[in-house]
Amino acid sequence: MDILGTTLRVCVDDLETAVPFYERLAGATAHLFERGGVEVAAIGCFLLMSGPEAELEVLRKVAATIAVKDVDEAHQVLSELGAHIIAGPVPTPVGRNLLALHPDGTIYEYADRQS
């Protein structure tokens, strides 16, 4: 399984206020979208999320997003290593993802950019 990078997940109260700070910090322009009632800004290695507390409570349980070449391959490797696949693979605005519970109890999102 090829791991291409990681994205830090940050829940913020006000996305509009947070975006300029993270754009300057990362030297990148925000890619804005909405998913499940949560406003999201992808900026460099940061994924800012803002929305209803009930939604953010769930999102906070995911430690990080790990970019992989192929989510199907990640699914196979994770399963072989004893991880529990919580959800996915499912389509996202830019590819596909899955959520996996590692044997140590940490939850990660694995995402690719394949359609």
N, C-alpha and C. Protein backbone atom coordinates (compact mmCIF):
# COMPACT_ATOMS: atom_id res chain seq x y z
N MET A 1 0.86 -1.17 0.00
CA MET A 1 0.00 0.00 0.00
C MET A 1 0.91 1.23 0.00
N ASP A 2 0.68 2.13 -0.94
CA ASP A 2 1.45 3.37 -1.01
C ASP A 2 0.76 4.47 -0.21
N ILE A 3 1.44 4.95 0.84
CA ILE A 3 0.94 6.10 1.59
C ILE A 3 1.59 7.34 0.99
N LEU A 4 0.76 8.27 0.51
CA LEU A 4 1.24 9.44 -0.20
C LEU A 4 1.41 10.66 0.70
N GLY A 5 0.76 10.66 1.87
CA GLY A 5 0.86 11.79 2.78
C GLY A 5 -0.25 11.74 3.80
N THR A 6 -0.26 12.71 4.70
CA THR A 6 -1.30 12.78 5.72
C THR A 6 -1.88 14.19 5.78
N THR A 7 -3.10 14.26 6.24
CA THR A 7 -3.78 15.54 6.41
C THR A 7 -4.23 15.64 7.86
N LEU A 8 -3.93 16.77 8.48
CA LEU A 8 -4.34 17.01 9.85
C LEU A 8 -5.76 17.56 9.86
N ARG A 9 -6.60 16.99 10.66
CA ARG A 9 -8.01 17.38 10.75
C ARG A 9 -8.18 18.36 11.89
N VAL A 10 -8.74 19.55 11.59
CA VAL A 10 -8.88 20.61 12.58
C VAL A 10 -10.34 21.09 12.59
N CYS A 11 -11.00 20.95 13.72
CA CYS A 11 -12.37 21.47 13.87
C CYS A 11 -12.27 22.91 14.35
N VAL A 12 -12.96 23.81 13.66
CA VAL A 12 -12.92 25.24 14.01
C VAL A 12 -14.34 25.76 14.19
N ASP A 13 -14.47 26.80 15.01
CA ASP A 13 -15.78 27.41 15.25
C ASP A 13 -16.24 28.22 14.04
N ASP A 14 -15.30 28.93 13.41
CA ASP A 14 -15.65 29.84 12.32
C ASP A 14 -14.68 29.62 11.16
N LEU A 15 -15.16 28.92 10.14
CA LEU A 15 -14.32 28.59 9.00
C LEU A 15 -13.84 29.84 8.28
N GLU A 16 -14.72 30.81 8.13
CA GLU A 16 -14.37 32.03 7.41
C GLU A 16 -13.19 32.77 8.06
N THR A 17 -13.15 32.76 9.37
CA THR A 17 -12.06 33.41 10.11
C THR A 17 -10.78 32.57 10.06
N ALA A 18 -10.91 31.26 10.13
CA ALA A 18 -9.75 30.37 10.18
C ALA A 18 -9.03 30.23 8.84
N VAL A 19 -9.77 30.28 7.73
CA VAL A 19 -9.18 30.03 6.42
C VAL A 19 -7.99 30.95 6.10
N PRO A 20 -8.09 32.28 6.25
CA PRO A 20 -6.94 33.12 5.90
C PRO A 20 -5.66 32.77 6.68
N PHE A 21 -5.81 32.44 7.97
CA PHE A 21 -4.65 32.05 8.77
C PHE A 21 -3.98 30.82 8.17
N TYR A 22 -4.77 29.77 7.90
CA TYR A 22 -4.21 28.52 7.40
C TYR A 22 -3.71 28.65 5.96
N GLU A 23 -4.33 29.51 5.16
CA GLU A 23 -3.82 29.76 3.81
C GLU A 23 -2.42 30.36 3.88
N ARG A 24 -2.22 31.33 4.75
CA ARG A 24 -0.89 31.94 4.89
C ARG A 24 0.10 30.95 5.48
N LEU A 25 -0.35 30.19 6.48
CA LEU A 25 0.53 29.21 7.13
C LEU A 25 1.00 28.15 6.14
N ALA A 26 0.07 27.63 5.34
CA ALA A 26 0.39 26.55 4.40
C ALA A 26 0.90 27.05 3.05
N GLY A 27 0.71 28.34 2.78
CA GLY A 27 1.11 28.87 1.47
C GLY A 27 0.27 28.28 0.36
N ALA A 28 -1.00 28.05 0.63
CA ALA A 28 -1.89 27.41 -0.34
C ALA A 28 -3.27 28.05 -0.26
N THR A 29 -4.03 27.90 -1.33
CA THR A 29 -5.40 28.41 -1.39
C THR A 29 -6.37 27.32 -0.94
N ALA A 30 -7.38 27.71 -0.21
CA ALA A 30 -8.38 26.76 0.31
C ALA A 30 -9.25 26.22 -0.81
N HIS A 31 -9.50 24.93 -0.75
CA HIS A 31 -10.49 24.27 -1.60
C HIS A 31 -11.70 24.04 -0.68
N LEU A 32 -12.80 24.76 -0.94
CA LEU A 32 -13.97 24.73 -0.06
C LEU A 32 -15.04 23.78 -0.61
N PHE A 33 -15.65 23.02 0.30
CA PHE A 33 -16.79 22.18 -0.07
C PHE A 33 -17.60 21.88 1.18
N GLU A 34 -18.75 21.28 0.99
CA GLU A 34 -19.61 20.90 2.12
C GLU A 34 -19.87 19.41 2.03
N ARG A 35 -19.92 18.77 3.19
CA ARG A 35 -20.22 17.35 3.22
C ARG A 35 -20.99 17.03 4.49
N GLY A 36 -22.19 16.53 4.32
CA GLY A 36 -23.00 16.11 5.46
C GLY A 36 -23.31 17.23 6.43
N GLY A 37 -23.52 18.45 5.92
CA GLY A 37 -23.83 19.58 6.78
C GLY A 37 -22.63 20.25 7.41
N VAL A 38 -21.43 19.77 7.08
CA VAL A 38 -20.19 20.34 7.61
C VAL A 38 -19.48 21.08 6.49
N GLU A 39 -19.10 22.34 6.77
CA GLU A 39 -18.31 23.11 5.81
C GLU A 39 -16.85 22.70 5.98
N VAL A 40 -16.17 22.51 4.85
CA VAL A 40 -14.80 22.00 4.87
C VAL A 40 -13.91 22.88 4.01
N ALA A 41 -12.68 23.09 4.48
CA ALA A 41 -11.66 23.80 3.71
C ALA A 41 -10.40 22.94 3.72
N ALA A 42 -10.00 22.46 2.55
CA ALA A 42 -8.75 21.72 2.42
C ALA A 42 -7.67 22.74 2.03
N ILE A 43 -6.65 22.85 2.90
CA ILE A 43 -5.58 23.83 2.68
C ILE A 43 -4.25 23.15 2.97
N GLY A 44 -3.50 22.85 1.93
CA GLY A 44 -2.24 22.15 2.14
C GLY A 44 -2.47 20.86 2.91
N CYS A 45 -1.76 20.69 4.02
CA CYS A 45 -1.90 19.47 4.81
C CYS A 45 -2.97 19.59 5.89
N PHE A 46 -3.77 20.65 5.85
CA PHE A 46 -4.82 20.87 6.85
C PHE A 46 -6.21 20.66 6.25
N LEU A 47 -7.09 20.06 7.01
CA LEU A 47 -8.49 19.91 6.64
C LEU A 47 -9.30 20.56 7.75
N LEU A 48 -9.78 21.79 7.49
CA LEU A 48 -10.56 22.52 8.48
C LEU A 48 -12.03 22.14 8.33
N MET A 49 -12.70 21.94 9.46
CA MET A 49 -14.10 21.53 9.43
C MET A 49 -14.89 22.37 10.42
N SER A 50 -16.07 22.81 10.02
CA SER A 50 -16.93 23.62 10.88
C SER A 50 -18.37 23.24 10.61
N GLY A 51 -19.15 23.13 11.68
CA GLY A 51 -20.55 22.77 11.50
C GLY A 51 -21.20 22.44 12.82
N PRO A 52 -22.33 21.74 12.76
CA PRO A 52 -23.07 21.38 13.97
C PRO A 52 -22.21 20.53 14.91
N GLU A 53 -22.30 20.80 16.19
CA GLU A 53 -21.47 20.10 17.17
C GLU A 53 -21.65 18.58 17.11
N ALA A 54 -22.86 18.12 16.85
CA ALA A 54 -23.10 16.67 16.77
C ALA A 54 -22.27 16.04 15.66
N GLU A 55 -22.15 16.73 14.53
CA GLU A 55 -21.34 16.23 13.41
C GLU A 55 -19.86 16.30 13.75
N LEU A 56 -19.42 17.41 14.34
CA LEU A 56 -18.01 17.58 14.67
C LEU A 56 -17.56 16.57 15.72
N GLU A 57 -18.46 16.22 16.63
CA GLU A 57 -18.12 15.23 17.66
C GLU A 57 -17.69 13.91 17.02
N VAL A 58 -18.38 13.51 15.97
CA VAL A 58 -18.02 12.29 15.25
C VAL A 58 -16.70 12.48 14.51
N LEU A 59 -16.53 13.62 13.84
CA LEU A 59 -15.32 13.88 13.05
C LEU A 59 -14.08 13.95 13.92
N ARG A 60 -14.20 14.41 15.15
CA ARG A 60 -13.06 14.51 16.06
C ARG A 60 -12.50 13.14 16.44
N LYS A 61 -13.27 12.11 16.25
CA LYS A 61 -12.80 10.77 16.60
C LYS A 61 -11.81 10.22 15.58
N VAL A 62 -11.69 10.87 14.43
CA VAL A 62 -10.76 10.43 13.38
C VAL A 62 -9.46 11.21 13.56
N ALA A 63 -8.36 10.50 13.84
CA ALA A 63 -7.08 11.13 14.18
C ALA A 63 -6.48 11.90 13.01
N ALA A 64 -6.55 11.36 11.81
CA ALA A 64 -5.95 12.01 10.64
C ALA A 64 -6.49 11.36 9.38
N THR A 65 -6.26 12.02 8.27
CA THR A 65 -6.58 11.45 6.96
C THR A 65 -5.27 11.04 6.31
N ILE A 66 -5.21 9.82 5.82
CA ILE A 66 -4.02 9.30 5.17
C ILE A 66 -4.32 9.13 3.69
N ALA A 67 -3.56 9.85 2.87
CA ALA A 67 -3.72 9.74 1.42
C ALA A 67 -3.01 8.49 0.93
N VAL A 68 -3.74 7.70 0.16
CA VAL A 68 -3.17 6.47 -0.40
C VAL A 68 -3.41 6.46 -1.91
N LYS A 69 -2.65 5.65 -2.59
CA LYS A 69 -2.80 5.54 -4.04
C LYS A 69 -4.12 4.88 -4.40
N ASP A 70 -4.51 3.87 -3.61
CA ASP A 70 -5.70 3.09 -3.94
C ASP A 70 -6.40 2.62 -2.66
N VAL A 71 -7.61 3.10 -2.43
CA VAL A 71 -8.37 2.74 -1.23
C VAL A 71 -8.69 1.24 -1.19
N ASP A 72 -8.92 0.62 -2.34
CA ASP A 72 -9.20 -0.81 -2.34
C ASP A 72 -8.00 -1.60 -1.82
N GLU A 73 -6.81 -1.20 -2.23
CA GLU A 73 -5.60 -1.85 -1.74
C GLU A 73 -5.43 -1.59 -0.24
N ALA A 74 -5.70 -0.37 0.20
CA ALA A 74 -5.63 -0.05 1.63
C ALA A 74 -6.60 -0.93 2.42
N HIS A 75 -7.81 -1.10 1.89
CA HIS A 75 -8.82 -1.95 2.53
C HIS A 75 -8.27 -3.36 2.73
N GLN A 76 -7.66 -3.91 1.70
CA GLN A 76 -7.12 -5.27 1.77
C GLN A 76 -6.00 -5.37 2.80
N VAL A 77 -5.04 -4.44 2.74
CA VAL A 77 -3.90 -4.47 3.66
C VAL A 77 -4.35 -4.27 5.10
N LEU A 78 -5.21 -3.30 5.33
CA LEU A 78 -5.70 -3.03 6.68
C LEU A 78 -6.43 -4.24 7.25
N SER A 79 -7.26 -4.87 6.44
CA SER A 79 -8.00 -6.05 6.89
C SER A 79 -7.04 -7.18 7.25
N GLU A 80 -6.03 -7.38 6.40
CA GLU A 80 -5.04 -8.43 6.67
C GLU A 80 -4.27 -8.17 7.96
N LEU A 81 -4.07 -6.90 8.30
CA LEU A 81 -3.31 -6.53 9.49
C LEU A 81 -4.17 -6.49 10.76
N GLY A 82 -5.47 -6.76 10.62
CA GLY A 82 -6.34 -6.82 11.78
C GLY A 82 -7.10 -5.55 12.09
N ALA A 83 -7.07 -4.57 11.18
CA ALA A 83 -7.87 -3.36 11.38
C ALA A 83 -9.33 -3.69 11.08
N HIS A 84 -10.22 -2.96 11.73
CA HIS A 84 -11.65 -3.10 11.48
C HIS A 84 -12.10 -1.96 10.57
N ILE A 85 -12.66 -2.29 9.42
CA ILE A 85 -13.15 -1.27 8.50
C ILE A 85 -14.52 -0.82 9.00
N ILE A 86 -14.61 0.42 9.41
CA ILE A 86 -15.85 0.97 9.97
C ILE A 86 -16.82 1.37 8.87
N ALA A 87 -16.28 1.97 7.80
CA ALA A 87 -17.12 2.46 6.70
C ALA A 87 -16.29 2.52 5.43
N GLY A 88 -16.95 2.23 4.31
CA GLY A 88 -16.31 2.40 3.01
C GLY A 88 -15.79 1.10 2.45
N PRO A 89 -15.17 1.28 1.31
CA PRO A 89 -14.93 2.51 0.56
C PRO A 89 -16.21 3.14 0.01
N VAL A 90 -16.25 4.47 0.07
CA VAL A 90 -17.37 5.25 -0.46
C VAL A 90 -16.84 6.42 -1.27
N PRO A 91 -17.66 6.92 -2.22
CA PRO A 91 -17.23 8.09 -3.00
C PRO A 91 -17.16 9.35 -2.14
N THR A 92 -16.22 10.23 -2.50
CA THR A 92 -16.08 11.55 -1.88
C THR A 92 -16.06 12.58 -3.00
N PRO A 93 -16.03 13.88 -2.67
CA PRO A 93 -15.97 14.88 -3.74
C PRO A 93 -14.73 14.78 -4.64
N VAL A 94 -13.66 14.14 -4.14
CA VAL A 94 -12.42 14.06 -4.93
C VAL A 94 -11.93 12.65 -5.19
N GLY A 95 -12.63 11.64 -4.74
CA GLY A 95 -12.18 10.26 -4.94
C GLY A 95 -13.01 9.30 -4.11
N ARG A 96 -12.32 8.50 -3.28
CA ARG A 96 -13.00 7.55 -2.40
C ARG A 96 -12.30 7.52 -1.05
N ASN A 97 -13.02 7.05 -0.03
CA ASN A 97 -12.39 6.92 1.27
C ASN A 97 -12.95 5.74 2.04
N LEU A 98 -12.29 5.44 3.14
CA LEU A 98 -12.79 4.46 4.11
C LEU A 98 -12.32 4.90 5.48
N LEU A 99 -13.01 4.43 6.50
CA LEU A 99 -12.61 4.66 7.88
C LEU A 99 -12.19 3.32 8.47
N ALA A 100 -11.03 3.32 9.13
CA ALA A 100 -10.52 2.08 9.71
C ALA A 100 -10.14 2.29 11.17
N LEU A 101 -10.54 1.34 11.99
CA LEU A 101 -10.17 1.30 13.40
C LEU A 101 -8.94 0.40 13.51
N HIS A 102 -7.80 0.98 13.87
CA HIS A 102 -6.58 0.20 14.03
C HIS A 102 -6.66 -0.62 15.31
N PRO A 103 -5.87 -1.69 15.39
CA PRO A 103 -5.91 -2.53 16.60
C PRO A 103 -5.62 -1.77 17.90
N ASP A 104 -4.92 -0.62 17.81
CA ASP A 104 -4.61 0.16 19.02
C ASP A 104 -5.76 1.07 19.43
N GLY A 105 -6.87 1.06 18.66
CA GLY A 105 -8.04 1.85 19.00
C GLY A 105 -8.12 3.19 18.29
N THR A 106 -7.14 3.53 17.47
CA THR A 106 -7.13 4.80 16.74
C THR A 106 -7.90 4.65 15.43
N ILE A 107 -8.70 5.67 15.11
CA ILE A 107 -9.47 5.67 13.85
C ILE A 107 -8.79 6.61 12.87
N TYR A 108 -8.60 6.12 11.64
CA TYR A 108 -8.03 6.93 10.56
C TYR A 108 -8.94 6.86 9.34
N GLU A 109 -8.93 7.95 8.59
CA GLU A 109 -9.56 7.96 7.28
C GLU A 109 -8.47 7.69 6.26
N TYR A 110 -8.74 6.81 5.32
CA TYR A 110 -7.84 6.55 4.18
C TYR A 110 -8.55 7.05 2.94
N ALA A 111 -7.89 7.85 2.12
CA ALA A 111 -8.54 8.48 0.97
C ALA A 111 -7.64 8.42 -0.26
N ASP A 112 -8.27 8.20 -1.41
CA ASP A 112 -7.55 8.29 -2.68
C ASP A 112 -8.22 9.34 -3.55
N ARG A 113 -7.64 9.57 -4.70
CA ARG A 113 -8.20 10.56 -5.63
C ARG A 113 -8.70 9.89 -6.90
N GLN A 114 -9.05 8.61 -6.76
CA GLN A 114 -9.62 7.88 -7.90
C GLN A 114 -11.12 8.04 -7.89
N SER A 115 -11.72 8.10 -9.07
CA SER A 115 -13.20 8.20 -9.12
C SER A 115 -13.82 6.85 -9.34
